[in-house]
Amino acid sequence: MLDALNAATYSEFGANLYFTNFVHIFVQNLIHKMQITSVSDFRKDIKSYLDRVAKNFETLIINRGKDSGIVVMSLEEYNSLMATSHELSSRANELRLDAAIEKLKSGNSFEKKLIEK
C-alpha cells in the first residue's frame, strides 16, 4: 500500500516523494522497533521503558485513550527526524536532492578520493 502511495505521490507532486519515502521508512522503523503501553504501565516501570528507548533506539507509544497518545523516542532519533525534515524543507533542497538521485540512477556520478593531511 505504501509503495502505491509513493508512486502516486511522485506522479502527482514530484519532489514530495522524498517526504513520502521518509514517512515510509519511518513507519517501517516504527513497525520493527515500536512498543505500545498504557499510561498506568508506563508509570509503574518508567525507568525500564526509557532505558529501552534510549539504548535500543525504540519508539514508545503511550496510549492515552481513544485516538490519543504520546510518542517517546531517543534524542538521537528525534535529531535525525529534524535533520531530515530540514533537508526537505525548501524547494531548492528538494530539487538538489532530485538532481543528485537522477545522477546516481543514470550512472552520471564520479568518485573522488579525499586528501588526507
Protein backbone atom coordinates (compact mmCIF):
# COMPACT_ATOMS: atom_id res chain seq x y z
CA MET A 1 0.00 0.00 0.00
CA LEU A 2 2.77 2.46 0.89
CA ASP A 3 4.62 1.68 -2.35
CA ALA A 4 1.48 2.53 -4.32
CA LEU A 5 1.23 5.71 -2.27
CA ASN A 6 4.86 6.54 -3.13
CA ALA A 7 4.21 6.10 -6.86
CA ALA A 8 1.02 8.15 -6.75
CA THR A 9 2.64 10.87 -4.69
CA TYR A 10 5.62 11.07 -7.05
CA SER A 11 3.46 11.32 -10.14
CA GLU A 12 1.25 13.98 -8.55
CA PHE A 13 3.69 16.03 -6.52
CA GLY A 14 7.21 15.28 -7.78
CA ALA A 15 9.63 16.38 -5.08
CA ASN A 16 7.28 15.39 -2.28
CA LEU A 17 8.39 11.82 -2.99
CA TYR A 18 11.26 12.35 -0.57
CA PHE A 19 8.90 13.17 2.26
CA THR A 20 6.68 10.21 1.41
CA ASN A 21 9.69 7.88 1.33
CA PHE A 22 10.86 9.35 4.61
CA VAL A 23 7.48 8.65 6.18
CA HIS A 24 7.53 5.16 4.65
CA ILE A 25 10.96 4.46 6.16
CA PHE A 26 9.92 5.99 9.47
CA VAL A 27 6.78 3.84 9.57
CA GLN A 28 8.84 0.74 8.76
CA ASN A 29 11.20 1.58 11.62
CA LEU A 30 8.24 2.04 13.94
CA ILE A 31 6.89 -1.36 12.99
CA HIS A 32 10.18 -3.03 13.85
CA LYS A 33 11.13 -1.02 16.93
CA MET A 34 7.86 0.16 18.40
CA GLN A 35 6.40 -0.53 21.80
CA ILE A 36 2.94 0.42 22.95
CA THR A 37 1.96 0.76 26.57
CA SER A 38 -0.66 2.40 28.73
CA VAL A 39 -0.07 5.38 30.99
CA SER A 40 -0.50 3.11 34.03
CA ASP A 41 2.08 0.56 32.86
CA PHE A 42 4.47 3.32 31.84
CA ARG A 43 4.17 4.95 35.25
CA LYS A 44 4.88 1.62 37.01
CA ASP A 45 8.11 0.99 35.11
CA ILE A 46 9.18 4.34 33.67
CA LYS A 47 12.93 3.76 34.04
CA SER A 48 12.84 0.46 32.17
CA TYR A 49 10.80 1.93 29.32
CA LEU A 50 13.08 4.96 28.98
CA ASP A 51 16.21 2.79 29.11
CA ARG A 52 14.90 0.63 26.25
CA VAL A 53 14.02 3.70 24.19
CA ALA A 54 17.47 5.22 24.71
CA LYS A 55 19.60 2.08 24.36
CA ASN A 56 17.73 0.24 21.60
CA PHE A 57 16.50 3.20 19.54
CA GLU A 58 12.96 2.00 20.11
CA THR A 59 9.94 4.23 19.80
CA LEU A 60 7.43 4.06 22.61
CA ILE A 61 3.79 4.99 22.19
CA ILE A 62 1.92 5.68 25.39
CA ASN A 63 -1.75 5.09 24.73
CA ARG A 64 -3.94 7.69 26.44
CA GLY A 65 -7.30 6.50 25.22
CA LYS A 66 -9.25 6.70 22.01
CA ASP A 67 -7.19 8.39 19.27
CA SER A 68 -4.82 9.91 21.80
CA GLY A 69 -1.25 9.07 22.58
CA ILE A 70 2.24 10.27 23.26
CA VAL A 71 5.37 9.25 21.35
CA VAL A 72 8.65 8.86 23.21
CA MET A 73 11.87 8.48 21.24
CA SER A 74 15.57 8.94 21.87
CA LEU A 75 17.16 12.32 21.33
CA GLU A 76 19.27 10.80 18.54
CA GLU A 77 16.15 9.59 16.71
CA TYR A 78 14.48 12.96 17.18
CA ASN A 79 17.52 14.83 15.87
CA SER A 80 17.61 12.54 12.85
CA LEU A 81 13.96 13.28 12.10
CA MET A 82 14.55 17.02 12.43
CA ALA A 83 17.59 16.88 10.14
CA THR A 84 15.58 15.01 7.50
CA SER A 85 12.73 17.47 7.87
CA HIS A 86 15.16 20.36 7.38
CA GLU A 87 16.67 18.73 4.30
CA LEU A 88 13.21 18.57 2.76
CA SER A 89 12.02 21.95 3.96
CA SER A 90 12.75 24.01 0.87
CA ARG A 91 12.07 23.54 -2.81
CA ALA A 92 15.74 24.26 -3.57
CA ASN A 93 16.87 21.39 -1.33
CA GLU A 94 14.31 19.07 -2.89
CA LEU A 95 15.49 19.96 -6.40
CA ARG A 96 19.13 19.44 -5.40
CA LEU A 97 18.24 16.01 -3.98
CA ASP A 98 16.24 15.18 -7.15
CA ALA A 99 19.24 16.07 -9.32
CA ALA A 100 21.65 14.03 -7.19
CA ILE A 101 19.40 10.96 -7.28
CA GLU A 102 18.99 11.25 -11.05
CA LYS A 103 22.78 11.44 -11.47
CA LEU A 104 23.22 8.30 -9.40
CA LYS A 105 20.47 6.44 -11.25
CA SER A 106 21.84 7.37 -14.66
CA GLY A 107 25.40 6.45 -13.71
CA ASN A 108 26.48 10.05 -14.24
CA SER A 109 28.41 10.29 -11.00
CA PHE A 110 32.05 10.02 -10.02
CA GLU A 111 34.15 9.00 -7.08
CA LYS A 112 36.83 11.26 -5.70
CA LYS A 113 39.38 10.31 -3.10
CA LEU A 114 39.77 12.61 -0.13
CA ILE A 115 43.13 14.16 0.57
CA GLU A 116 44.33 13.13 4.00
CA LYS A 117 46.58 15.53 5.86
